[in-house]
Amino acid sequence: MNEANDMTPLGHKILEHWKRYRPTMARELEKGNHLQQAVFAAQELTANLLYELAVVQKMEYQPAWEIATREWAFLPDEQDQPQLWFDPATLDPHQHLPVISA
């Protein structure tokens, strides 16, 4: 599978966000040849969590979107939060989703 070819519009927004707000992280991932893989995983995890919250748990879409995108996609600015709770290079699109209830 070629993750770059499987990026959705959400994946492109994640990539743009990471390059703008977490440029050091994005450069390090790119240097290690992990950027596309990490963006693809963040895209898939975000979409899966959004589905879980909005469809399965019947949460309203906007709050579900905000929770799902905050988890892996639209990360805080490097200056505001230099360290993340996870290593983007090790994201797995099939990893377990966090437990969040509506």
PDB file of N, CA and C in Angstrom:
ATOM      1  N   MET A   1       0.840  -1.174   0.000  1.00  0.00           N
ATOM      2  CA  MET A   1       0.000   0.000   0.000  1.00  0.00           C
ATOM      3  C   MET A   1       0.885   1.237   0.000  1.00  0.00           C
ATOM      4  N   ASN A   2       0.546   2.205  -0.806  1.00  0.00           N
ATOM      5  CA  ASN A   2       1.276   3.457  -0.868  1.00  0.00           C
ATOM      6  C   ASN A   2       0.452   4.520  -0.161  1.00  0.00           C
ATOM      7  N   GLU A   3       0.847   4.865   1.073  1.00  0.00           N
ATOM      8  CA  GLU A   3       0.064   5.782   1.893  1.00  0.00           C
ATOM      9  C   GLU A   3      -0.122   7.138   1.230  1.00  0.00           C
ATOM     10  N   ALA A   4       0.873   7.619   0.496  1.00  0.00           N
ATOM     11  CA  ALA A   4       0.773   8.926  -0.148  1.00  0.00           C
ATOM     12  C   ALA A   4      -0.385   8.948  -1.141  1.00  0.00           C
ATOM     13  N   ASN A   5      -0.609   7.829  -1.825  1.00  0.00           N
ATOM     14  CA  ASN A   5      -1.698   7.767  -2.797  1.00  0.00           C
ATOM     15  C   ASN A   5      -3.049   7.535  -2.137  1.00  0.00           C
ATOM     16  N   ASP A   6      -3.046   7.102  -0.863  1.00  0.00           N
ATOM     17  CA  ASP A   6      -4.280   6.817  -0.154  1.00  0.00           C
ATOM     18  C   ASP A   6      -4.716   7.955   0.761  1.00  0.00           C
ATOM     19  N   MET A   7      -4.027   9.094   0.671  1.00  0.00           N
ATOM     20  CA  MET A   7      -4.398  10.213   1.531  1.00  0.00           C
ATOM     21  C   MET A   7      -5.714  10.819   1.057  1.00  0.00           C
ATOM     22  N   THR A   8      -6.582  11.043   2.022  1.00  0.00           N
ATOM     23  CA  THR A   8      -7.867  11.689   1.769  1.00  0.00           C
ATOM     24  C   THR A   8      -7.687  13.197   1.951  1.00  0.00           C
ATOM     25  N   PRO A   9      -8.733  13.978   1.705  1.00  0.00           N
ATOM     26  CA  PRO A   9      -8.632  15.413   2.012  1.00  0.00           C
ATOM     27  C   PRO A   9      -8.247  15.660   3.472  1.00  0.00           C
ATOM     28  N   LEU A  10      -8.717  14.815   4.381  1.00  0.00           N
ATOM     29  CA  LEU A  10      -8.326  14.949   5.782  1.00  0.00           C
ATOM     30  C   LEU A  10      -6.821  14.747   5.933  1.00  0.00           C
ATOM     31  N   GLY A  11      -6.271  13.756   5.268  1.00  0.00           N
ATOM     32  CA  GLY A  11      -4.834  13.511   5.331  1.00  0.00           C
ATOM     33  C   GLY A  11      -4.032  14.703   4.845  1.00  0.00           C
ATOM     34  N   HIS A  12      -4.493  15.331   3.780  1.00  0.00           N
ATOM     35  CA  HIS A  12      -3.800  16.518   3.261  1.00  0.00           C
ATOM     36  C   HIS A  12      -3.885  17.671   4.260  1.00  0.00           C
ATOM     37  N   LYS A  13      -5.020  17.798   4.947  1.00  0.00           N
ATOM     38  CA  LYS A  13      -5.156  18.850   5.966  1.00  0.00           C
ATOM     39  C   LYS A  13      -4.248  18.569   7.159  1.00  0.00           C
ATOM     40  N   ILE A  14      -4.125  17.294   7.531  1.00  0.00           N
ATOM     41  CA  ILE A  14      -3.231  16.914   8.623  1.00  0.00           C
ATOM     42  C   ILE A  14      -1.797  17.277   8.252  1.00  0.00           C
ATOM     43  N   LEU A  15      -1.371  16.905   7.050  1.00  0.00           N
ATOM     44  CA  LEU A  15      -0.018  17.201   6.597  1.00  0.00           C
ATOM     45  C   LEU A  15       0.241  18.708   6.624  1.00  0.00           C
ATOM     46  N   GLU A  16      -0.687  19.465   6.103  1.00  0.00           N
ATOM     47  CA  GLU A  16      -0.554  20.925   6.091  1.00  0.00           C
ATOM     48  C   GLU A  16      -0.462  21.472   7.520  1.00  0.00           C
ATOM     49  N   HIS A  17      -1.310  20.958   8.403  1.00  0.00           N
ATOM     50  CA  HIS A  17      -1.312  21.410   9.798  1.00  0.00           C
ATOM     51  C   HIS A  17       0.015  21.077  10.468  1.00  0.00           C
ATOM     52  N   TRP A  18       0.488  19.866  10.314  1.00  0.00           N
ATOM     53  CA  TRP A  18       1.741  19.465  10.942  1.00  0.00           C
ATOM     54  C   TRP A  18       2.905  20.315  10.439  1.00  0.00           C
ATOM     55  N   LYS A  19       2.956  20.581   9.136  1.00  0.00           N
ATOM     56  CA  LYS A  19       4.056  21.384   8.594  1.00  0.00           C
ATOM     57  C   LYS A  19       4.002  22.824   9.092  1.00  0.00           C
ATOM     58  N   ARG A  20       2.804  23.305   9.342  1.00  0.00           N
ATOM     59  CA  ARG A  20       2.665  24.687   9.805  1.00  0.00           C
ATOM     60  C   ARG A  20       2.879  24.815  11.321  1.00  0.00           C
ATOM     61  N   TYR A  21       2.268  23.929  12.100  1.00  0.00           N
ATOM     62  CA  TYR A  21       2.272  24.071  13.552  1.00  0.00           C
ATOM     63  C   TYR A  21       3.278  23.178  14.277  1.00  0.00           C
ATOM     64  N   ARG A  22       3.767  22.156  13.593  1.00  0.00           N
ATOM     65  CA  ARG A  22       4.775  21.274  14.195  1.00  0.00           C
ATOM     66  C   ARG A  22       5.879  21.028  13.166  1.00  0.00           C
ATOM     67  N   PRO A  23       6.510  22.116  12.696  1.00  0.00           N
ATOM     68  CA  PRO A  23       7.493  21.965  11.614  1.00  0.00           C
ATOM     69  C   PRO A  23       8.700  21.112  11.986  1.00  0.00           C
ATOM     70  N   THR A  24       9.152  21.202  13.215  1.00  0.00           N
ATOM     71  CA  THR A  24      10.296  20.390  13.629  1.00  0.00           C
ATOM     72  C   THR A  24       9.935  18.913  13.575  1.00  0.00           C
ATOM     73  N   MET A  25       8.765  18.572  14.107  1.00  0.00           N
ATOM     74  CA  MET A  25       8.298  17.193  14.085  1.00  0.00           C
ATOM     75  C   MET A  25       8.160  16.706  12.644  1.00  0.00           C
ATOM     76  N   ALA A  26       7.554  17.535  11.789  1.00  0.00           N
ATOM     77  CA  ALA A  26       7.361  17.150  10.390  1.00  0.00           C
ATOM     78  C   ALA A  26       8.704  16.929   9.694  1.00  0.00           C
ATOM     79  N   ARG A  27       9.675  17.805   9.941  1.00  0.00           N
ATOM     80  CA  ARG A  27      11.002  17.646   9.323  1.00  0.00           C
ATOM     81  C   ARG A  27      11.682  16.369   9.813  1.00  0.00           C
ATOM     82  N   GLU A  28      11.581  16.092  11.116  1.00  0.00           N
ATOM     83  CA  GLU A  28      12.201  14.882  11.652  1.00  0.00           C
ATOM     84  C   GLU A  28      11.550  13.625  11.075  1.00  0.00           C
ATOM     85  N   LEU A  29      10.224  13.651  10.958  1.00  0.00           N
ATOM     86  CA  LEU A  29       9.534  12.508  10.358  1.00  0.00           C
ATOM     87  C   LEU A  29       9.933  12.338   8.898  1.00  0.00           C
ATOM     88  N   GLU A  30      10.047  13.464   8.189  1.00  0.00           N
ATOM     89  CA  GLU A  30      10.429  13.401   6.782  1.00  0.00           C
ATOM     90  C   GLU A  30      11.860  12.890   6.627  1.00  0.00           C
ATOM     91  N   LYS A  31      12.741  13.354   7.503  1.00  0.00           N
ATOM     92  CA  LYS A  31      14.144  12.919   7.467  1.00  0.00           C
ATOM     93  C   LYS A  31      14.242  11.410   7.696  1.00  0.00           C
ATOM     94  N   GLY A  32      13.404  10.879   8.581  1.00  0.00           N
ATOM     95  CA  GLY A  32      13.395   9.447   8.848  1.00  0.00           C
ATOM     96  C   GLY A  32      12.514   8.662   7.900  1.00  0.00           C
ATOM     97  N   ASN A  33      11.997   9.339   6.890  1.00  0.00           N
ATOM     98  CA  ASN A  33      11.109   8.725   5.893  1.00  0.00           C
ATOM     99  C   ASN A  33       9.848   8.134   6.535  1.00  0.00           C
ATOM    100  N   HIS A  34       9.300   8.853   7.541  1.00  0.00           N
ATOM    101  CA  HIS A  34       8.101   8.397   8.240  1.00  0.00           C
ATOM    102  C   HIS A  34       6.927   9.363   8.107  1.00  0.00           C
ATOM    103  N   LEU A  35       7.107  10.490   7.428  1.00  0.00           N
ATOM    104  CA  LEU A  35       6.061  11.510   7.406  1.00  0.00           C
ATOM    105  C   LEU A  35       4.778  11.007   6.754  1.00  0.00           C
ATOM    106  N   GLN A  36       4.861  10.462   5.569  1.00  0.00           N
ATOM    107  CA  GLN A  36       3.656  10.004   4.869  1.00  0.00           C
ATOM    108  C   GLN A  36       2.960   8.890   5.646  1.00  0.00           C
ATOM    109  N   GLN A  37       3.746   7.986   6.197  1.00  0.00           N
ATOM    110  CA  GLN A  37       3.190   6.884   6.986  1.00  0.00           C
ATOM    111  C   GLN A  37       2.475   7.413   8.229  1.00  0.00           C
ATOM    112  N   ALA A  38       3.075   8.384   8.912  1.00  0.00           N
ATOM    113  CA  ALA A  38       2.478   8.955  10.121  1.00  0.00           C
ATOM    114  C   ALA A  38       1.203   9.720   9.796  1.00  0.00           C
ATOM    115  N   VAL A  39       1.218  10.482   8.716  1.00  0.00           N
ATOM    116  CA  VAL A  39       0.016  11.224   8.309  1.00  0.00           C
ATOM    117  C   VAL A  39      -1.099  10.253   7.942  1.00  0.00           C
ATOM    118  N   PHE A  40      -0.767   9.207   7.199  1.00  0.00           N
ATOM    119  CA  PHE A  40      -1.776   8.211   6.834  1.00  0.00           C
ATOM    120  C   PHE A  40      -2.377   7.565   8.079  1.00  0.00           C
ATOM    121  N   ALA A  41      -1.535   7.200   9.034  1.00  0.00           N
ATOM    122  CA  ALA A  41      -2.032   6.584  10.269  1.00  0.00           C
ATOM    123  C   ALA A  41      -2.917   7.565  11.035  1.00  0.00           C
ATOM    124  N   ALA A  42      -2.498   8.821  11.138  1.00  0.00           N
ATOM    125  CA  ALA A  42      -3.309   9.836  11.834  1.00  0.00           C
ATOM    126  C   ALA A  42      -4.650  10.022  11.137  1.00  0.00           C
ATOM    127  N   GLN A  43      -4.632  10.016   9.828  1.00  0.00           N
ATOM    128  CA  GLN A  43      -5.867  10.143   9.039  1.00  0.00           C
ATOM    129  C   GLN A  43      -6.816   8.986   9.335  1.00  0.00           C
ATOM    130  N   GLU A  44      -6.301   7.776   9.307  1.00  0.00           N
ATOM    131  CA  GLU A  44      -7.135   6.596   9.527  1.00  0.00           C
ATOM    132  C   GLU A  44      -7.657   6.531  10.962  1.00  0.00           C
ATOM    133  N   LEU A  45      -6.785   6.805  11.927  1.00  0.00           N
ATOM    134  CA  LEU A  45      -7.211   6.785  13.324  1.00  0.00           C
ATOM    135  C   LEU A  45      -8.265   7.851  13.596  1.00  0.00           C
ATOM    136  N   THR A  46      -8.073   9.022  13.029  1.00  0.00           N
ATOM    137  CA  THR A  46      -9.037  10.110  13.208  1.00  0.00           C
ATOM    138  C   THR A  46     -10.388   9.732  12.610  1.00  0.00           C
ATOM    139  N   ALA A  47     -10.372   9.198  11.408  1.00  0.00           N
ATOM    140  CA  ALA A  47     -11.622   8.791  10.756  1.00  0.00           C
ATOM    141  C   ALA A  47     -12.315   7.677  11.538  1.00  0.00           C
ATOM    142  N   ASN A  48     -11.539   6.724  12.041  1.00  0.00           N
ATOM    143  CA  ASN A  48     -12.123   5.626  12.817  1.00  0.00           C
ATOM    144  C   ASN A  48     -12.733   6.121  14.118  1.00  0.00           C
ATOM    145  N   LEU A  49     -12.039   7.034  14.795  1.00  0.00           N
ATOM    146  CA  LEU A  49     -12.570   7.581  16.042  1.00  0.00           C
ATOM    147  C   LEU A  49     -13.810   8.424  15.779  1.00  0.00           C
ATOM    148  N   LEU A  50     -13.789   9.186  14.707  1.00  0.00           N
ATOM    149  CA  LEU A  50     -14.970   9.983  14.353  1.00  0.00           C
ATOM    150  C   LEU A  50     -16.167   9.071  14.092  1.00  0.00           C
ATOM    151  N   TYR A  51     -15.958   7.996  13.374  1.00  0.00           N
ATOM    152  CA  TYR A  51     -17.025   7.026  13.113  1.00  0.00           C
ATOM    153  C   TYR A  51     -17.541   6.442  14.429  1.00  0.00           C
ATOM    154  N   GLU A  52     -16.626   6.030  15.287  1.00  0.00           N
ATOM    155  CA  GLU A  52     -17.003   5.443  16.569  1.00  0.00           C
ATOM    156  C   GLU A  52     -17.861   6.415  17.386  1.00  0.00           C
ATOM    157  N   LEU A  53     -17.434   7.659  17.448  1.00  0.00           N
ATOM    158  CA  LEU A  53     -18.159   8.643  18.267  1.00  0.00           C
ATOM    159  C   LEU A  53     -19.482   9.060  17.639  1.00  0.00           C
ATOM    160  N   ALA A  54     -19.470   9.391  16.353  1.00  0.00           N
ATOM    161  CA  ALA A  54     -20.667   9.941  15.707  1.00  0.00           C
ATOM    162  C   ALA A  54     -21.681   8.875  15.319  1.00  0.00           C
ATOM    163  N   VAL A  55     -21.219   7.738  14.839  1.00  0.00           N
ATOM    164  CA  VAL A  55     -22.143   6.718  14.342  1.00  0.00           C
ATOM    165  C   VAL A  55     -22.474   5.686  15.415  1.00  0.00           C
ATOM    166  N   VAL A  56     -21.460   5.121  16.016  1.00  0.00           N
ATOM    167  CA  VAL A  56     -21.680   4.051  16.989  1.00  0.00           C
ATOM    168  C   VAL A  56     -22.235   4.612  18.299  1.00  0.00           C
ATOM    169  N   GLN A  57     -21.580   5.657  18.824  1.00  0.00           N
ATOM    170  CA  GLN A  57     -22.008   6.205  20.117  1.00  0.00           C
ATOM    171  C   GLN A  57     -23.067   7.305  19.981  1.00  0.00           C
ATOM    172  N   LYS A  58     -23.386   7.689  18.747  1.00  0.00           N
ATOM    173  CA  LYS A  58     -24.447   8.673  18.472  1.00  0.00           C
ATOM    174  C   LYS A  58     -24.158  10.060  19.053  1.00  0.00           C
ATOM    175  N   MET A  59     -22.876  10.429  19.139  1.00  0.00           N
ATOM    176  CA  MET A  59     -22.514  11.765  19.588  1.00  0.00           C
ATOM    177  C   MET A  59     -22.807  12.741  18.445  1.00  0.00           C
ATOM    178  N   GLU A  60     -23.165  13.956  18.775  1.00  0.00           N
ATOM    179  CA  GLU A  60     -23.369  14.954  17.727  1.00  0.00           C
ATOM    180  C   GLU A  60     -22.066  15.125  16.960  1.00  0.00           C
ATOM    181  N   TYR A  61     -22.200  15.430  15.670  1.00  0.00           N
ATOM    182  CA  TYR A  61     -21.041  15.424  14.780  1.00  0.00           C
ATOM    183  C   TYR A  61     -19.957  16.420  15.197  1.00  0.00           C
ATOM    184  N   GLN A  62     -20.313  17.678  15.482  1.00  0.00           N
ATOM    185  CA  GLN A  62     -19.295  18.692  15.770  1.00  0.00           C
ATOM    186  C   GLN A  62     -18.446  18.346  16.991  1.00  0.00           C
ATOM    187  N   PRO A  63     -19.051  17.969  18.129  1.00  0.00           N
ATOM    188  CA  PRO A  63     -18.200  17.569  19.255  1.00  0.00           C
ATOM    189  C   PRO A  63     -17.355  16.326  18.935  1.00  0.00           C
ATOM    190  N   ALA A  64     -17.924  15.388  18.175  1.00  0.00           N
ATOM    191  CA  ALA A  64     -17.173  14.188  17.787  1.00  0.00           C
ATOM    192  C   ALA A  64     -15.980  14.577  16.914  1.00  0.00           C
ATOM    193  N   TRP A  65     -16.195  15.478  15.985  1.00  0.00           N
ATOM    194  CA  TRP A  65     -15.128  15.955  15.105  1.00  0.00           C
ATOM    195  C   TRP A  65     -14.009  16.611  15.925  1.00  0.00           C
ATOM    196  N   GLU A  66     -14.387  17.443  16.857  1.00  0.00           N
ATOM    197  CA  GLU A  66     -13.391  18.149  17.677  1.00  0.00           C
ATOM    198  C   GLU A  66     -12.560  17.174  18.506  1.00  0.00           C
ATOM    199  N   ILE A  67     -13.202  16.189  19.085  1.00  0.00           N
ATOM    200  CA  ILE A  67     -12.471  15.189  19.874  1.00  0.00           C
ATOM    201  C   ILE A  67     -11.556  14.361  18.967  1.00  0.00           C
ATOM    202  N   ALA A  68     -12.099  13.877  17.870  1.00  0.00           N
ATOM    203  CA  ALA A  68     -11.331  12.995  16.977  1.00  0.00           C
ATOM    204  C   ALA A  68     -10.136  13.712  16.359  1.00  0.00           C
ATOM    205  N   THR A  69     -10.315  14.934  15.922  1.00  0.00           N
ATOM    206  CA  THR A  69      -9.204  15.631  15.266  1.00  0.00           C
ATOM    207  C   THR A  69      -8.152  16.110  16.260  1.00  0.00           C
ATOM    208  N   ARG A  70      -8.530  16.337  17.488  1.00  0.00           N
ATOM    209  CA  ARG A  70      -7.582  16.785  18.515  1.00  0.00           C
ATOM    210  C   ARG A  70      -6.651  15.641  18.930  1.00  0.00           C
ATOM    211  N   GLU A  71      -7.110  14.410  18.798  1.00  0.00           N
ATOM    212  CA  GLU A  71      -6.347  13.252  19.282  1.00  0.00           C
ATOM    213  C   GLU A  71      -5.049  13.042  18.496  1.00  0.00           C
ATOM    214  N   TRP A  72      -5.106  12.986  17.161  1.00  0.00           N
ATOM    215  CA  TRP A  72      -3.919  12.706  16.346  1.00  0.00           C
ATOM    216  C   TRP A  72      -3.719  13.683  15.195  1.00  0.00           C
ATOM    217  N   ALA A  73      -4.752  14.351  14.741  1.00  0.00           N
ATOM    218  CA  ALA A  73      -4.670  15.118  13.502  1.00  0.00           C
ATOM    219  C   ALA A  73      -4.163  16.543  13.697  1.00  0.00           C
ATOM    220  N   PHE A  74      -4.942  17.356  14.366  1.00  0.00           N
ATOM    221  CA  PHE A  74      -4.619  18.773  14.493  1.00  0.00           C
ATOM    222  C   PHE A  74      -3.955  19.005  15.846  1.00  0.00           C
ATOM    223  N   LEU A  75      -2.692  18.663  15.876  1.00  0.00           N
ATOM    224  CA  LEU A  75      -1.903  18.680  17.104  1.00  0.00           C
ATOM    225  C   LEU A  75      -1.591  20.106  17.535  1.00  0.00           C
ATOM    226  N   PRO A  76      -1.342  20.298  18.834  1.00  0.00           N
ATOM    227  CA  PRO A  76      -1.020  21.635  19.322  1.00  0.00           C
ATOM    228  C   PRO A  76       0.312  22.135  18.748  1.00  0.00           C
ATOM    229  N   ASP A  77       0.449  23.428  18.708  1.00  0.00           N
ATOM    230  CA  ASP A  77       1.661  24.091  18.238  1.00  0.00           C
ATOM    231  C   ASP A  77       2.864  23.607  19.049  1.00  0.00           C
ATOM    232  N   GLU A  78       3.984  23.428  18.382  1.00  0.00           N
ATOM    233  CA  GLU A  78       5.206  22.975  19.054  1.00  0.00           C
ATOM    234  C   GLU A  78       5.612  23.888  20.201  1.00  0.00           C
ATOM    235  N   GLN A  79       5.385  25.185  20.043  1.00  0.00           N
ATOM    236  CA  GLN A  79       5.769  26.128  21.089  1.00  0.00           C
ATOM    237  C   GLN A  79       4.873  26.000  22.311  1.00  0.00           C
ATOM    238  N   ASP A  80       3.615  25.659  22.098  1.00  0.00           N
ATOM    239  CA  ASP A  80       2.680  25.498  23.216  1.00  0.00           C
ATOM    240  C   ASP A  80       2.854  24.156  23.915  1.00  0.00           C
ATOM    241  N   GLN A  81       3.145  23.123  23.149  1.00  0.00           N
ATOM    242  CA  GLN A  81       3.308  21.774  23.701  1.00  0.00           C
ATOM    243  C   GLN A  81       4.432  21.068  22.945  1.00  0.00           C
ATOM    244  N   PRO A  82       5.670  21.261  23.409  1.00  0.00           N
ATOM    245  CA  PRO A  82       6.813  20.681  22.687  1.00  0.00           C
ATOM    246  C   PRO A  82       6.777  19.152  22.603  1.00  0.00           C
ATOM    247  N   GLN A  83       6.311  18.479  23.640  1.00  0.00           N
ATOM    248  CA  GLN A  83       6.275  17.014  23.657  1.00  0.00           C
ATOM    249  C   GLN A  83       4.843  16.517  23.509  1.00  0.00           C
ATOM    250  N   LEU A  84       4.665  15.531  22.673  1.00  0.00           N
ATOM    251  CA  LEU A  84       3.360  14.904  22.501  1.00  0.00           C
ATOM    252  C   LEU A  84       3.280  13.673  23.390  1.00  0.00           C
ATOM    253  N   TRP A  85       2.073  13.178  23.600  1.00  0.00           N
ATOM    254  CA  TRP A  85       1.873  11.978  24.420  1.00  0.00           C
ATOM    255  C   TRP A  85       2.192  10.708  23.637  1.00  0.00           C
ATOM    256  N   PHE A  86       2.455  10.859  22.322  1.00  0.00           N
ATOM    257  CA  PHE A  86       2.763   9.705  21.476  1.00  0.00           C
ATOM    258  C   PHE A  86       3.870  10.081  20.503  1.00  0.00           C
ATOM    259  N   ASP A  87       4.478   9.066  19.910  1.00  0.00           N
ATOM    260  CA  ASP A  87       5.493   9.274  18.886  1.00  0.00           C
ATOM    261  C   ASP A  87       4.822   9.085  17.530  1.00  0.00           C
ATOM    262  N   PRO A  88       4.675  10.164  16.746  1.00  0.00           N
ATOM    263  CA  PRO A  88       3.988  10.041  15.451  1.00  0.00           C
ATOM    264  C   PRO A  88       4.621   9.008  14.515  1.00  0.00           C
ATOM    265  N   ALA A  89       5.906   8.760  14.650  1.00  0.00           N
ATOM    266  CA  ALA A  89       6.576   7.785  13.780  1.00  0.00           C
ATOM    267  C   ALA A  89       6.107   6.362  14.049  1.00  0.00           C
ATOM    268  N   THR A  90       5.503   6.135  15.215  1.00  0.00           N
ATOM    269  CA  THR A  90       5.061   4.778  15.556  1.00  0.00           C
ATOM    270  C   THR A  90       3.547   4.606  15.478  1.00  0.00           C
ATOM    271  N   LEU A  91       2.846   5.608  14.956  1.00  0.00           N
ATOM    272  CA  LEU A  91       1.390   5.468  14.825  1.00  0.00           C
ATOM    273  C   LEU A  91       1.058   4.294  13.915  1.00  0.00           C
ATOM    274  N   ASP A  92       0.053   3.555  14.311  1.00  0.00           N
ATOM    275  CA  ASP A  92      -0.404   2.398  13.541  1.00  0.00           C
ATOM    276  C   ASP A  92      -1.883   2.623  13.241  1.00  0.00           C
ATOM    277  N   PRO A  93      -2.272   2.632  11.971  1.00  0.00           N
ATOM    278  CA  PRO A  93      -3.679   2.881  11.645  1.00  0.00           C
ATOM    279  C   PRO A  93      -4.637   1.843  12.215  1.00  0.00           C
ATOM    280  N   HIS A  94      -4.099   0.724  12.717  1.00  0.00           N
ATOM    281  CA  HIS A  94      -4.949  -0.340  13.266  1.00  0.00           C
ATOM    282  C   HIS A  94      -4.868  -0.425  14.791  1.00  0.00           C
ATOM    283  N   GLN A  95      -4.188   0.533  15.411  1.00  0.00           N
ATOM    284  CA  GLN A  95      -4.076   0.485  16.864  1.00  0.00           C
ATOM    285  C   GLN A  95      -5.436   0.740  17.511  1.00  0.00           C
ATOM    286  N   HIS A  96      -5.545   0.392  18.767  1.00  0.00           N
ATOM    287  CA  HIS A  96      -6.788   0.566  19.501  1.00  0.00           C
ATOM    288  C   HIS A  96      -7.100   2.038  19.665  1.00  0.00           C
ATOM    289  N   LEU A  97      -8.372   2.357  19.570  1.00  0.00           N
ATOM    290  CA  LEU A  97      -8.824   3.726  19.772  1.00  0.00           C
ATOM    291  C   LEU A  97      -8.946   4.004  21.260  1.00  0.00           C
ATOM    292  N   PRO A  98      -8.779   5.259  21.656  1.00  0.00           N
ATOM    293  CA  PRO A  98      -8.968   5.581  23.065  1.00  0.00           C
ATOM    294  C   PRO A  98     -10.429   5.406  23.455  1.00  0.00           C
ATOM    295  N   VAL A  99     -10.668   5.139  24.709  1.00  0.00           N
ATOM    296  CA  VAL A  99     -12.040   4.983  25.196  1.00  0.00           C
ATOM    297  C   VAL A  99     -12.584   6.368  25.493  1.00  0.00           C
ATOM    298  N   ILE A 100     -13.553   6.777  24.702  1.00  0.00           N
ATOM    299  CA  ILE A 100     -14.214   8.069  24.876  1.00  0.00           C
ATOM    300  C   ILE A 100     -15.701   7.796  24.754  1.00  0.00           C
ATOM    301  N   SER A 101     -16.461   8.213  25.758  1.00  0.00           N
ATOM    302  CA  SER A 101     -17.897   7.964  25.673  1.00  0.00           C
ATOM    303  C   SER A 101     -18.641   9.272  25.462  1.00  0.00           C
ATOM    304  N   ALA A 102     -19.735   9.152  24.749  1.00  0.00           N
ATOM    305  CA  ALA A 102     -20.549  10.322  24.411  1.00  0.00           C
ATOM    306  C   ALA A 102     -21.283  10.846  25.625  1.00  0.00           C
TER     307      ALA A 102
END
